[in-house]
Protein backbone atom coordinates (compact mmCIF):
# COMPACT_ATOMS: atom_id res chain seq x y z
CA MET A 1 -52.13 57.72 8.19
CA GLY A 2 -49.39 59.13 10.41
CA ARG A 3 -48.75 55.72 11.95
CA LEU A 4 -48.58 54.12 8.48
CA THR A 5 -46.13 56.76 7.28
CA SER A 6 -43.96 56.19 10.34
CA PHE A 7 -44.05 52.42 9.78
CA VAL A 8 -43.01 52.80 6.14
CA ALA A 9 -40.21 55.15 7.13
CA LEU A 10 -38.97 52.70 9.77
CA PHE A 11 -39.16 49.86 7.23
CA PHE A 12 -36.95 51.71 4.76
CA VAL A 13 -34.48 52.70 7.47
CA ALA A 14 -34.25 49.07 8.57
CA ALA A 15 -33.80 47.93 4.97
CA LEU A 16 -31.01 50.47 4.43
CA LEU A 17 -29.29 49.37 7.62
CA LEU A 18 -29.59 45.71 6.62
CA SER A 19 -28.23 46.48 3.14
CA SER A 20 -25.33 48.37 4.67
CA ALA A 21 -24.62 45.50 7.07
CA ARG A 22 -24.51 43.02 4.21
CA ALA A 23 -22.26 45.33 2.20
CA ASP A 24 -19.83 45.30 5.14
CA TRP A 25 -19.97 41.51 5.45
CA PRO A 26 -18.00 39.81 6.90
CA GLU A 27 -17.42 41.68 10.13
CA ARG A 28 -15.78 38.74 11.89
CA PRO A 29 -13.87 35.54 10.98
CA ILE A 30 -15.52 32.85 8.88
CA ASN A 31 -15.28 29.19 9.92
CA MET A 32 -14.99 26.52 7.23
CA VAL A 33 -15.85 23.13 8.75
CA VAL A 34 -14.17 20.29 6.83
CA MET A 35 -15.88 16.92 7.16
CA TYR A 36 -12.73 14.80 6.90
CA ALA A 37 -9.43 14.64 8.79
CA PRO A 38 -6.40 16.90 8.20
CA GLY A 39 -4.05 15.89 5.40
CA GLY A 40 -6.58 14.20 3.11
CA GLY A 41 -7.73 15.44 -0.29
CA THR A 42 -10.80 17.28 0.99
CA ASP A 43 -8.76 19.03 3.66
CA ILE A 44 -5.88 19.95 1.31
CA VAL A 45 -8.12 21.42 -1.39
CA LEU A 46 -10.39 23.36 0.95
CA ARG A 47 -7.54 24.78 3.02
CA ALA A 48 -5.92 25.97 -0.20
CA LEU A 49 -9.23 27.54 -1.24
CA ALA A 50 -9.64 29.23 2.14
CA THR A 51 -6.12 30.63 1.92
CA GLU A 52 -6.65 32.08 -1.55
CA MET A 53 -10.11 33.43 -0.71
CA SER A 54 -8.60 35.19 2.32
CA ARG A 55 -5.71 36.53 0.26
CA SER A 56 -7.94 38.10 -2.39
CA THR A 57 -10.53 39.60 -0.03
CA GLY A 58 -8.78 40.25 3.27
CA TRP A 59 -11.29 38.00 5.04
CA VAL A 60 -10.20 35.78 7.91
CA ILE A 61 -11.26 32.20 7.16
CA ASN A 62 -10.45 29.63 9.83
CA VAL A 63 -10.52 25.96 8.84
CA THR A 64 -11.51 23.30 11.39
CA ASN A 65 -12.04 19.57 10.98
CA ARG A 66 -15.12 17.76 12.29
CA THR A 67 -15.00 14.14 11.17
CA GLY A 68 -17.41 11.25 11.46
CA ALA A 69 -20.44 9.50 9.96
CA SER A 70 -19.38 10.17 6.34
CA GLY A 71 -19.73 13.92 6.81
CA ALA A 72 -22.92 13.86 8.87
CA LEU A 73 -21.31 15.31 12.01
CA ALA A 74 -19.91 18.32 10.16
CA THR A 75 -23.23 18.75 8.36
CA ARG A 76 -25.23 18.78 11.60
CA TYR A 77 -22.80 21.27 13.11
CA VAL A 78 -23.22 23.74 10.23
CA LEU A 79 -26.99 23.24 10.16
CA ASN A 80 -27.14 24.20 13.83
CA LYS A 81 -25.45 27.55 13.13
CA ARG A 82 -27.17 30.69 11.91
CA PRO A 83 -27.43 30.85 8.08
CA ASP A 84 -25.36 34.02 7.87
CA GLY A 85 -22.36 32.84 5.85
CA TYR A 86 -20.03 32.73 8.84
CA THR A 87 -20.03 28.91 8.97
CA LEU A 88 -19.31 27.09 5.71
CA LEU A 89 -19.28 23.34 5.00
CA GLY A 90 -16.06 21.95 3.59
CA ALA A 91 -17.34 18.90 1.74
CA SER A 92 -16.61 16.32 -0.88
CA ASN A 93 -19.08 14.80 -3.33
CA PHE A 94 -21.65 17.54 -2.69
CA ASN A 95 -22.09 15.94 0.75
CA LYS A 96 -24.12 13.10 -0.81
CA TYR A 97 -23.21 10.52 1.85
CA ALA A 98 -24.61 12.42 4.83
CA ARG A 99 -28.19 11.73 3.79
CA ILE A 100 -27.62 8.23 2.40
CA VAL A 101 -25.66 6.70 5.28
CA GLY A 102 -25.40 9.45 7.90
CA GLY A 103 -29.08 9.89 8.63
CA VAL A 104 -29.08 13.67 8.08
CA ASP A 105 -32.34 14.82 6.49
CA THR A 106 -30.96 17.58 4.31
CA ARG A 107 -30.89 17.64 0.52
CA PRO A 108 -27.94 19.15 -1.37
CA TRP A 109 -30.02 20.85 -4.08
CA THR A 110 -32.66 22.42 -1.81
CA ASP A 111 -30.82 23.12 1.46
CA TRP A 112 -27.31 24.00 0.23
CA TYR A 113 -25.58 26.01 -2.45
CA PHE A 114 -22.49 24.08 -3.50
CA MET A 115 -19.43 25.33 -5.37
CA GLN A 116 -17.22 22.61 -6.85
CA ALA A 117 -13.52 23.44 -7.14
CA ALA A 118 -11.74 20.24 -8.17
CA TYR A 119 -11.78 16.46 -8.03
CA GLY A 120 -9.39 13.68 -7.02
CA ILE A 121 -8.96 10.12 -8.31
CA GLY A 122 -9.06 6.97 -6.18
CA SER A 123 -5.99 4.81 -5.57
CA TRP A 124 -5.01 1.44 -4.11
CA SER A 125 -1.48 0.85 -2.87
CA VAL A 126 0.41 -1.69 -0.73
CA ARG A 127 3.58 -1.87 1.32
CA PRO A 128 6.76 -3.01 -0.49
CA ASP A 129 6.71 -6.28 1.52
CA SER A 130 3.14 -7.11 0.41
CA PRO A 131 2.65 -10.41 -1.43
CA PHE A 132 0.76 -8.35 -4.05
CA GLN A 133 3.03 -6.22 -6.20
CA SER A 134 0.43 -5.49 -8.86
CA PHE A 135 -3.32 -5.49 -9.30
CA GLN A 136 -2.87 -8.60 -11.44
CA ASP A 137 -1.29 -10.37 -8.43
CA LEU A 138 -4.34 -9.38 -6.42
CA MET A 139 -6.70 -10.78 -9.04
CA GLU A 140 -4.82 -14.06 -9.43
CA THR A 141 -4.75 -14.63 -5.67
CA ALA A 142 -8.46 -13.87 -5.45
CA ARG A 143 -9.18 -16.48 -8.11
CA GLN A 144 -7.16 -19.14 -6.28
CA GLU A 145 -8.19 -18.37 -2.72
CA SER A 146 -11.29 -17.15 -0.94
CA ASN A 147 -9.36 -15.12 1.64
CA GLU A 148 -10.91 -11.84 2.70
CA LEU A 149 -8.59 -8.91 2.04
CA THR A 150 -8.76 -5.81 4.23
CA ILE A 151 -8.76 -2.34 2.70
CA SER A 152 -8.71 0.98 4.52
CA THR A 153 -11.36 3.58 3.64
CA SER A 154 -12.04 7.21 4.47
CA GLY A 155 -15.15 6.20 6.42
CA ALA A 156 -17.98 3.69 6.24
CA GLY A 157 -20.07 4.51 3.19
CA GLY A 158 -17.71 7.24 1.97
CA GLN A 159 -16.06 7.79 -1.40
CA VAL A 160 -13.14 5.36 -0.95
CA HIS A 161 -15.55 2.72 0.35
CA GLU A 162 -17.89 3.27 -2.61
CA MET A 163 -15.11 3.05 -5.22
CA ALA A 164 -13.68 -0.09 -3.61
CA ALA A 165 -17.12 -1.71 -3.45
CA ILE A 166 -17.72 -1.01 -7.15
CA ILE A 167 -14.38 -2.57 -8.08
CA ALA A 168 -15.04 -5.55 -5.81
CA GLN A 169 -18.44 -6.06 -7.39
CA VAL A 170 -16.99 -6.06 -10.91
CA THR A 171 -13.93 -8.21 -10.12
CA GLY A 172 -15.31 -10.57 -7.49
CA LEU A 173 -12.67 -9.56 -4.94
CA ASN A 174 -13.60 -10.42 -1.35
CA LEU A 175 -12.93 -7.24 0.61
CA LYS A 176 -13.40 -6.21 4.22
CA TYR A 177 -13.70 -2.43 4.52
CA VAL A 178 -11.92 -0.86 7.51
CA PRO A 179 -13.08 2.74 8.11
CA TYR A 180 -10.82 5.60 9.19
CA ALA A 181 -11.39 9.33 9.68
CA GLY A 182 -10.21 10.36 6.21
CA GLY A 183 -8.11 9.44 3.19
CA GLN A 184 -4.82 10.47 4.76
CA VAL A 185 -5.45 8.36 7.86
CA ALA A 186 -6.54 5.45 5.66
CA THR A 187 -3.29 5.78 3.71
CA LEU A 188 -1.22 5.72 6.90
CA ALA A 189 -3.10 2.60 8.01
CA GLY A 190 -1.89 0.84 4.87
CA LEU A 191 1.61 2.19 5.34
CA ASN A 192 1.67 0.86 8.92
CA GLY A 193 0.47 -2.60 7.89
CA GLU A 194 -2.91 -2.36 9.61
CA VAL A 195 -4.65 -3.50 6.39
CA ASP A 196 -3.72 -5.45 3.27
CA ILE A 197 -4.52 -2.57 0.91
CA ALA A 198 -4.27 1.17 1.49
CA GLY A 199 -7.35 2.85 0.03
CA GLY A 200 -7.36 6.57 -0.63
CA GLY A 201 -6.67 9.02 -3.42
CA VAL A 202 -3.75 9.42 -5.81
CA HIS A 203 -3.02 12.74 -4.09
CA GLU A 204 -2.58 10.92 -0.77
CA HIS A 205 -0.46 8.09 -2.18
CA ILE A 206 1.72 9.67 -4.84
CA ARG A 207 4.51 11.01 -2.63
CA LEU A 208 4.75 7.71 -0.77
CA ILE A 209 4.88 5.93 -4.12
CA ASP A 210 7.69 8.21 -5.30
CA SER A 211 9.63 7.59 -2.07
CA GLY A 212 9.21 3.82 -2.38
CA ASP A 213 7.18 3.50 0.81
CA LEU A 214 4.13 2.31 -1.12
CA VAL A 215 3.71 0.25 -4.28
CA PRO A 216 0.83 1.32 -6.56
CA LEU A 217 -1.72 -1.29 -7.60
CA MET A 218 -4.10 0.91 -9.59
CA GLN A 219 -5.98 4.20 -9.78
CA THR A 220 -9.48 5.00 -11.01
CA GLY A 221 -8.65 7.51 -13.73
CA THR A 222 -9.01 6.83 -17.43
CA THR A 223 -5.29 6.66 -18.26
CA ASP A 224 -2.05 5.67 -16.55
CA ILE A 225 -0.35 8.29 -14.36
CA VAL A 226 3.45 8.71 -14.48
CA THR A 227 4.96 10.26 -11.34
CA THR A 228 7.83 12.74 -11.28
CA THR A 229 10.25 9.87 -10.61
CA GLY A 230 8.94 7.88 -13.56
CA LYS A 231 6.81 5.39 -11.64
CA VAL A 232 3.58 4.31 -13.28
CA ILE A 233 0.26 4.21 -11.43
CA PRO A 234 -1.87 2.15 -13.81
CA THR A 235 -5.54 2.72 -14.50
CA VAL A 236 -7.75 -0.08 -13.22
CA SER A 237 -9.16 -0.47 -16.74
CA ASN A 238 -5.85 -2.09 -17.79
CA PHE A 239 -6.89 -5.07 -15.66
CA VAL A 240 -10.68 -4.75 -15.67
CA PRO A 241 -11.74 -3.46 -19.13
CA GLN A 242 -15.45 -3.78 -18.29
CA ILE A 243 -15.16 -0.99 -15.74
CA ARG A 244 -13.91 1.53 -18.33
CA ASP A 245 -17.34 3.08 -18.90
CA ARG A 246 -17.60 4.00 -15.20
CA LEU A 247 -14.27 5.86 -15.11
CA PRO A 248 -13.11 8.19 -13.82
CA LEU A 249 -14.30 7.26 -10.34
CA ASN A 250 -13.55 10.47 -8.53
CA GLY A 251 -14.48 12.64 -5.61
CA PRO A 252 -15.29 16.33 -6.21
CA TYR A 253 -14.31 18.87 -3.55
CA THR A 254 -16.92 21.47 -2.72
CA ILE A 255 -17.80 24.40 -0.47
CA GLY A 256 -21.36 24.31 0.86
CA VAL A 257 -23.28 27.43 1.91
CA ARG A 258 -26.69 27.20 3.57
CA ARG A 259 -29.24 28.02 0.90
CA ASP A 260 -31.19 30.27 3.28
CA THR A 261 -28.14 32.51 3.72
CA PRO A 262 -28.77 36.10 2.54
CA ILE A 263 -28.35 36.04 -1.24
CA GLU A 264 -25.86 38.95 -1.27
CA VAL A 265 -23.63 36.98 1.09
CA ILE A 266 -23.80 33.87 -1.10
CA TRP A 267 -22.72 35.88 -4.17
CA ALA A 268 -19.88 37.48 -2.19
CA ILE A 269 -18.62 34.02 -1.21
CA GLU A 270 -18.99 32.78 -4.77
CA GLU A 271 -17.03 35.75 -6.15
CA ALA A 272 -14.20 35.03 -3.70
CA PHE A 273 -14.40 31.33 -4.64
CA PHE A 274 -14.01 32.11 -8.36
CA THR A 275 -10.98 34.29 -7.68
CA ALA A 276 -9.41 31.55 -5.55
CA VAL A 277 -9.83 28.67 -8.02
CA GLN A 278 -8.32 30.79 -10.79
CA SER A 279 -5.25 31.72 -8.76
CA SER A 280 -1.88 30.27 -9.73
CA ALA A 281 -1.22 29.33 -6.10
CA PHE A 282 -4.35 27.15 -5.91
CA GLU A 283 -3.64 25.57 -9.28
CA GLU A 284 -0.12 24.70 -8.12
CA VAL A 285 -1.35 23.07 -4.91
CA VAL A 286 -3.69 20.75 -6.76
CA ARG A 287 -1.34 20.10 -9.69
CA GLN A 288 1.39 18.83 -7.38
CA ARG A 289 -1.03 16.25 -5.97
CA ASN A 290 -2.62 15.08 -9.23
CA ILE A 291 -5.90 16.74 -8.31
CA PHE A 292 -7.77 18.36 -11.19
CA VAL A 293 -9.42 21.80 -11.17
CA ASP A 294 -13.05 21.44 -12.28
CA VAL A 295 -15.35 24.34 -11.40
CA MET A 296 -19.12 23.90 -11.20
CA VAL A 297 -21.73 26.16 -9.57
CA GLY A 298 -25.38 27.14 -9.88
CA GLU A 299 -27.96 24.93 -11.55
CA ASN A 300 -25.27 22.63 -12.96
CA ALA A 301 -23.98 21.95 -9.46
CA ASP A 302 -27.51 21.43 -8.10
CA ARG A 303 -28.24 18.90 -10.83
CA ARG A 304 -24.94 17.12 -10.30
CA ALA A 305 -25.57 16.91 -6.55
CA ALA A 306 -28.95 15.25 -7.13
CA GLU A 307 -27.54 12.93 -9.79
CA LEU A 308 -24.72 11.76 -7.51
CA GLU A 309 -27.18 10.99 -4.72
CA VAL A 310 -29.28 8.89 -7.10
CA ILE A 311 -26.26 7.00 -8.45
CA THR A 312 -24.77 6.31 -5.02
CA ALA A 313 -28.05 5.33 -3.37
CA THR A 314 -28.63 2.88 -6.22
CA ILE A 315 -25.12 1.41 -5.98
CA PHE A 316 -25.29 1.08 -2.20
CA GLU A 317 -28.64 -0.66 -2.47
CA GLU A 318 -27.21 -3.12 -5.02
CA LEU A 319 -24.13 -3.72 -2.86
CA GLY A 320 -26.13 -4.13 0.33
CA ILE A 321 -24.19 -1.45 2.24
CA PRO A 322 -25.44 -1.69 5.86
CA GLY A 323 -27.57 1.25 6.99
CA ALA A 324 -27.81 2.85 3.55
CA ARG A 325 -31.13 4.42 2.62
CA THR A 326 -32.70 3.35 -0.66
CA THR A 327 -33.74 5.70 -3.45
CA GLU A 328 -37.36 5.07 -2.46
CA GLU A 329 -36.69 6.02 1.17
CA LEU A 330 -34.92 9.17 -0.01
CA GLY A 331 -37.67 10.13 -2.42
CA LEU A 332 -35.34 9.79 -5.40
CA PRO A 333 -35.96 8.27 -8.84
CA GLU A 334 -34.19 5.25 -10.25
CA THR A 335 -31.03 6.07 -12.19
CA LYS A 336 -32.71 5.42 -15.55
CA ASP A 337 -35.46 7.92 -14.70
CA PHE A 338 -33.25 10.77 -13.51
CA ASP A 339 -33.39 12.88 -16.68
CA ARG A 340 -37.20 12.79 -16.66
CA TRP A 341 -37.34 13.56 -12.91
CA TRP A 342 -34.95 16.52 -12.87
CA PRO A 343 -35.78 19.16 -11.88
CA PRO A 344 -38.19 18.03 -9.14
CA SER A 345 -41.25 20.17 -8.43
CA ASP A 346 -39.78 21.71 -5.26
CA TYR A 347 -36.50 22.79 -6.90
CA ALA A 348 -35.81 26.49 -7.31
CA PRO A 349 -32.44 27.71 -8.63
CA LEU A 350 -30.74 30.63 -6.96
CA THR A 351 -30.57 33.67 -9.23
CA ARG A 352 -28.87 37.01 -8.94
CA ASN A 353 -32.18 38.77 -9.51
CA PRO A 354 -34.69 36.70 -7.53
């Protein structure tokens, strides 16, 4: 009995020490690993989040970029770290591409806890000396010629690639996708004349459009956007009405925490996240770049992560994207069956009182 009493006493002491340690978390800097290059939408939004989270809590949050394989390299890096909350994943699209085209066997709704902060809208632009000065020019040329047009993307199989492939499928445009390490780099490739069309996001193009260095062809929002200098970035639905039901084509920006991280740490990060996205400084950063605050966490975020994987895997299969895994290979339902499938039998939401 004495040994049992001693064991119980030691257990409670250890539990108290662990509780105290978590209450004092973090005791050292946090590293947020962004999966795309500096200067792009994902990087801009997550750096702004990190800054505001640090400001409200006093935490030190360092942001580093680890690009490649549509987010798979950053994902592997974070997965190889201890699940203690000190290494966060700075992602877009709930990291859906890593499993579909990056070969990483990790599922967003069972292995991660994602917090969505905002989303950006896709954009196509060209240099002022381009023979295409509007999306209509592009369409008319495509009808008359079978030339392959090059478009820069934020990576093979990534969001810009996906949006461009959807538009190409609907319009019949013959596109060659040229991958870069992020939306900002893809934009610069178009600016430098390395491709016919600069793919990216409105947030990456808008300042270059205002300065006259790029000419807007279209964006994937539901309505036209008017810049501060009065220039119009038209919605693609003006030219392709049949795509209207798919709009907006956008990319959400998210923070990913390992789901096996201590639950108290996850809630501490989420509380800091909520404070950050509600701050006027964060709202101003995204507003200036035509990025839209859109917060989603918990079961809604888990469901959205699964739904996006299903939609994208289906689209990539239809488009024949090289190396993309099918819904069957991923153990996912067909798009039409998603509502009946969700939640899958192995899904368990995180709760504050588990």
